[in-house]
């Protein structure tokens, strides 16, 4: 899957959904006042910005395996501790943070249990560890309609429903297996308004993530058929698209 893309491409593709979700996620995480916080898989810094802007926020750190995202986040927040690194091997000492958050990251970890365990390791005992992933398996994600359209045209088309944590209860099970305590889970839903079909469709052509990879493999005729099928499945304009994510909050 491709995340070695310009930050602007990712923000056009996913930012329209991840930005409102980040607000809901941060509220659900219920972080303590002050305290150091780590943004795991920070991407271009959507959640990082909210953490930096928290009233009385202590120093924030961020980490991501994508070089373009690390560069973009560093440019967005000069002087912030932003490092290259994977969730499964976080470049921090034990008990460094009061909280560790992972927004829309766990389902892309090569070892999600190991990644969540690492988040717990770098968080002080009793500190908050929280994560959220899209409801791909339940067809509630912002990408579900496009994947459904792809399957309508080609039953062998892939989707993201088998990714870790994307089915109800699985994210909480992963957190429990990682040894986190007091695991609580819920779902968060945001809505995004669209006033044109092109506004909705164009970001799928940017080559971001598994869906962008898939669209990039299609010939021109198949890609046009996919666009037309998506349009047939979408409501009349203007429309609001709901996007649901699973979320967990636990203690290290």
Protein backbone atom coordinates (compact mmCIF):
# COMPACT_ATOMS: atom_id res chain seq x y z
CA UNK A 1 0.00 0.00 0.00
CA UNK A 2 1.22 3.48 -0.79
CA UNK A 3 1.76 6.18 1.81
CA UNK A 4 5.02 7.47 0.33
CA UNK A 5 2.96 10.23 -1.26
CA UNK A 6 2.93 14.01 -0.84
CA UNK A 7 1.20 15.14 2.32
CA UNK A 8 -1.17 17.24 0.21
CA UNK A 9 -2.37 14.12 -1.63
CA UNK A 10 -3.10 12.29 1.62
CA UNK A 11 -4.97 15.29 3.02
CA UNK A 12 -7.14 15.52 -0.10
CA UNK A 13 -7.81 11.78 -0.02
CA UNK A 14 -8.38 11.18 3.69
CA UNK A 15 -8.12 14.53 5.45
CA UNK A 16 -11.71 15.44 4.66
CA UNK A 17 -12.75 12.56 6.93
CA UNK A 18 -9.80 12.29 9.31
CA UNK A 19 -9.92 15.94 10.38
CA UNK A 20 -13.43 15.81 11.87
CA UNK A 21 -12.73 12.33 13.23
CA UNK A 22 -9.62 13.61 15.02
CA UNK A 23 -11.76 16.01 17.05
CA UNK A 24 -14.11 13.19 18.08
CA UNK A 25 -11.20 10.85 18.82
CA UNK A 26 -9.43 13.35 21.04
CA UNK A 27 -12.62 14.00 22.99
CA UNK A 28 -13.13 10.24 23.47
CA UNK A 29 -9.53 9.72 24.58
CA UNK A 30 -10.19 12.11 27.50
CA UNK A 31 -6.53 12.93 28.03
CA UNK A 32 -5.41 14.27 31.40
CA UNK A 33 -4.53 17.95 31.61
CA UNK A 34 -0.95 18.59 30.60
CA UNK A 35 1.28 15.56 30.29
CA UNK A 36 3.42 14.49 27.36
CA UNK A 37 1.55 12.91 24.44
CA UNK A 38 2.81 10.80 21.52
CA UNK A 39 1.03 10.77 18.15
CA UNK A 40 1.81 7.35 16.63
CA UNK A 41 1.54 7.26 12.85
CA UNK A 42 1.05 11.02 12.75
CA UNK A 43 0.76 11.27 8.96
CA UNK A 44 0.85 14.93 7.88
CA UNK A 45 -0.10 16.07 11.38
CA UNK A 46 -3.90 16.26 11.57
CA UNK A 47 -4.16 14.86 15.10
CA UNK A 48 -0.80 16.37 16.03
CA UNK A 49 -2.23 19.86 15.50
CA UNK A 50 -5.08 19.24 17.92
CA UNK A 51 -2.66 17.89 20.52
CA UNK A 52 -0.40 20.92 20.16
CA UNK A 53 -3.38 23.27 20.47
CA UNK A 54 -4.77 21.71 23.66
CA UNK A 55 -4.99 24.28 26.46
CA UNK A 56 -2.00 23.83 28.73
CA UNK A 57 -0.62 21.07 26.52
CA UNK A 58 2.76 19.67 27.51
CA UNK A 59 5.33 18.87 24.79
CA UNK A 60 3.95 16.69 21.99
CA UNK A 61 5.98 14.12 20.03
CA UNK A 62 5.06 12.46 16.74
CA UNK A 63 6.36 9.48 14.77
CA UNK A 64 5.59 8.06 11.31
CA UNK A 65 7.28 5.61 8.90
CA UNK A 66 6.57 7.76 5.83
CA UNK A 67 9.41 10.18 5.00
CA UNK A 68 7.11 12.68 3.22
CA UNK A 69 4.78 12.73 6.22
CA UNK A 70 7.63 13.24 8.69
CA UNK A 71 8.97 16.10 6.58
CA UNK A 72 5.52 17.68 6.27
CA UNK A 73 4.81 17.46 10.00
CA UNK A 74 8.21 18.91 10.86
CA UNK A 75 7.54 21.82 8.48
CA UNK A 76 4.08 22.31 9.95
CA UNK A 77 5.37 22.38 13.55
CA UNK A 78 8.93 23.75 13.66
CA UNK A 79 10.80 22.55 16.72
CA UNK A 80 8.39 19.71 17.46
CA UNK A 81 9.90 16.29 18.18
CA UNK A 82 8.90 14.44 14.98
CA UNK A 83 10.78 11.22 14.23
CA UNK A 84 10.77 8.55 11.54
CA UNK A 85 9.78 5.21 12.97
CA UNK A 86 7.31 2.33 13.07
CA UNK A 87 4.75 1.69 15.76
CA UNK A 88 6.17 -1.79 16.26
CA UNK A 89 9.56 -0.33 17.30
CA UNK A 90 8.95 3.12 18.76
CA UNK A 91 12.17 5.16 19.19
CA UNK A 92 11.43 6.23 22.79
CA UNK A 93 12.32 5.01 26.27
CA UNK A 94 9.90 3.23 28.59
CA UNK A 95 7.36 5.41 30.44
CA UNK A 96 8.23 8.54 28.44
CA UNK A 97 4.66 9.73 27.82
CA UNK A 98 1.46 10.27 29.75
CA UNK A 99 -0.57 9.18 26.70
CA UNK A 100 -0.04 7.58 23.30
CA UNK A 101 -2.61 7.91 20.50
CA UNK A 102 -2.88 6.23 17.10
CA UNK A 103 -5.43 7.67 14.71
CA UNK A 104 -6.28 5.47 11.70
CA UNK A 105 -3.04 3.54 12.05
CA UNK A 106 -3.51 0.15 13.75
CA UNK A 107 -5.04 -1.53 10.68
CA UNK A 108 -1.87 -0.71 8.70
CA UNK A 109 0.59 -2.02 11.29
CA UNK A 110 2.45 -5.16 10.25
CA UNK A 111 2.05 -6.37 13.85
CA UNK A 112 -0.91 -4.54 15.43
CA UNK A 113 -0.60 -6.31 18.79
CA UNK A 114 3.09 -5.47 18.89
CA UNK A 115 2.39 -1.88 17.93
CA UNK A 116 -0.21 -1.44 20.66
CA UNK A 117 2.13 -3.14 23.12
CA UNK A 118 4.85 -0.63 22.16
CA UNK A 119 2.42 2.23 22.74
CA UNK A 120 1.85 0.85 26.22
CA UNK A 121 5.58 0.46 26.83
CA UNK A 122 6.38 4.11 26.13
CA UNK A 123 3.41 5.29 28.23
CA UNK A 124 3.71 5.57 32.01
CA UNK A 125 1.75 3.03 34.08
CA UNK A 126 -1.86 4.17 34.24
CA UNK A 127 -1.44 6.50 31.26
CA UNK A 128 -3.84 6.58 28.34
CA UNK A 129 -3.41 4.47 25.20
CA UNK A 130 -6.07 5.10 22.55
CA UNK A 131 -6.56 4.14 18.91
CA UNK A 132 -9.14 4.35 16.17
CA UNK A 133 -9.61 2.57 12.81
CA UNK A 134 -12.24 2.80 10.10
CA UNK A 135 -15.13 0.33 10.05
CA UNK A 136 -14.03 -1.30 6.80
CA UNK A 137 -15.37 -4.75 7.69
CA UNK A 138 -18.80 -3.39 8.60
CA UNK A 139 -18.98 -1.29 5.43
CA UNK A 140 -19.17 1.91 7.46
CA UNK A 141 -15.86 3.43 6.38
CA UNK A 142 -15.64 6.44 4.04
CA UNK A 143 -14.16 4.11 1.41
CA UNK A 144 -16.78 1.37 1.63
CA UNK A 145 -18.95 2.66 -1.21
CA UNK A 146 -16.00 2.82 -3.61
CA UNK A 147 -14.91 -0.70 -2.66
CA UNK A 148 -18.51 -1.91 -3.16
CA UNK A 149 -18.58 -0.33 -6.61
CA UNK A 150 -15.28 -2.05 -7.41
CA UNK A 151 -16.71 -5.42 -6.36
CA UNK A 152 -19.85 -4.83 -8.43
CA UNK A 153 -17.66 -4.53 -11.52
CA UNK A 154 -15.12 -7.18 -10.53
CA UNK A 155 -16.00 -9.75 -7.83
CA UNK A 156 -12.26 -10.43 -7.46
CA UNK A 157 -11.53 -6.82 -6.52
CA UNK A 158 -9.86 -6.44 -3.11
CA UNK A 159 -11.14 -4.39 -0.21
CA UNK A 160 -9.94 -3.42 3.25
CA UNK A 161 -12.42 -5.44 5.29
CA UNK A 162 -9.84 -8.00 6.36
CA UNK A 163 -7.44 -5.45 7.87
CA UNK A 164 -6.79 -5.77 11.63
CA UNK A 165 -9.22 -3.99 13.92
CA UNK A 166 -11.74 -3.06 11.24
CA UNK A 167 -14.53 -5.35 12.46
CA UNK A 168 -16.64 -4.71 15.54
CA UNK A 169 -14.82 -5.72 18.72
CA UNK A 170 -11.54 -6.64 17.04
CA UNK A 171 -9.68 -3.44 17.93
CA UNK A 172 -10.55 -3.99 21.59
CA UNK A 173 -9.42 -7.61 21.31
CA UNK A 174 -6.07 -6.49 19.90
CA UNK A 175 -5.61 -3.99 22.73
CA UNK A 176 -6.40 -6.67 25.31
CA UNK A 177 -3.96 -9.10 23.67
CA UNK A 178 -1.33 -6.35 23.80
CA UNK A 179 -1.61 -6.37 27.59
CA UNK A 180 -3.35 -3.02 27.98
CA UNK A 181 -5.68 -2.57 30.95
CA UNK A 182 -9.22 -1.24 31.33
CA UNK A 183 -9.95 -1.52 27.61
CA UNK A 184 -13.07 0.40 26.59
CA UNK A 185 -14.44 0.50 23.06
CA UNK A 186 -17.02 2.41 21.08
CA UNK A 187 -17.72 3.79 17.61
CA UNK A 188 -17.39 7.33 16.30
CA UNK A 189 -19.25 8.67 13.25
CA UNK A 190 -18.58 11.86 11.32
CA UNK A 191 -20.37 13.32 8.30
CA UNK A 192 -18.84 15.14 5.36
CA UNK A 193 -20.87 17.21 2.87
CA UNK A 194 -20.24 17.04 -0.87
CA UNK A 195 -21.63 19.44 -3.46
CA UNK A 196 -20.23 17.77 -6.60
CA UNK A 197 -19.36 14.26 -7.70
CA UNK A 198 -15.93 15.34 -8.90
CA UNK A 199 -15.17 16.67 -5.43
CA UNK A 200 -15.92 13.20 -4.07
CA UNK A 201 -14.16 11.21 -6.82
CA UNK A 202 -10.98 13.14 -7.69
CA UNK A 203 -8.93 12.16 -4.58
CA UNK A 204 -9.22 8.48 -5.52
CA UNK A 205 -6.92 9.21 -8.46
CA UNK A 206 -4.03 10.34 -6.23
CA UNK A 207 -2.62 6.87 -5.52
CA UNK A 208 -3.07 7.00 -1.74
CA UNK A 209 -3.47 3.82 0.32
CA UNK A 210 -4.87 0.46 -0.83
CA UNK A 211 -7.80 2.02 -2.71
CA UNK A 212 -5.56 4.50 -4.51
CA UNK A 213 -3.23 1.65 -5.42
CA UNK A 214 -6.15 -0.33 -6.83
CA UNK A 215 -7.55 2.54 -8.89
CA UNK A 216 -4.07 3.18 -10.31
CA UNK A 217 -3.92 -0.38 -11.68
CA UNK A 218 -7.09 0.02 -13.74
CA UNK A 219 -7.20 0.83 -17.42
CA UNK A 220 -8.91 4.02 -18.50
CA UNK A 221 -12.16 2.30 -19.49
CA UNK A 222 -12.43 0.29 -16.25
CA UNK A 223 -11.58 3.37 -14.19
CA UNK A 224 -14.36 5.31 -15.93
CA UNK A 225 -16.80 2.46 -15.30
CA UNK A 226 -15.82 2.51 -11.63
CA UNK A 227 -16.42 6.24 -11.44
CA UNK A 228 -19.82 5.83 -13.08
CA UNK A 229 -20.76 2.97 -10.73
CA UNK A 230 -19.79 5.06 -7.70
CA UNK A 231 -21.93 7.91 -8.97
CA UNK A 232 -24.89 5.55 -9.39
CA UNK A 233 -24.54 4.40 -5.77
CA UNK A 234 -24.20 7.91 -4.33
CA UNK A 235 -27.21 10.02 -3.34
CA UNK A 236 -28.35 13.04 -5.31
CA UNK A 237 -26.41 16.23 -4.72
CA UNK A 238 -25.73 17.72 -2.31
CA UNK A 239 -25.21 14.79 0.04
CA UNK A 240 -23.61 13.98 3.37
CA UNK A 241 -21.39 10.91 3.61
CA UNK A 242 -21.19 9.21 6.98
CA UNK A 243 -17.91 7.64 8.05
CA UNK A 244 -17.71 5.37 11.11
CA UNK A 245 -14.59 4.32 13.01
CA UNK A 246 -14.01 1.90 15.88
CA UNK A 247 -12.20 3.39 18.86
CA UNK A 248 -10.58 2.06 22.03
CA UNK A 249 -9.27 3.74 25.16
CA UNK A 250 -7.12 1.78 27.60
CA UNK A 251 -4.50 2.12 30.32
CA UNK A 252 -0.85 1.25 30.04
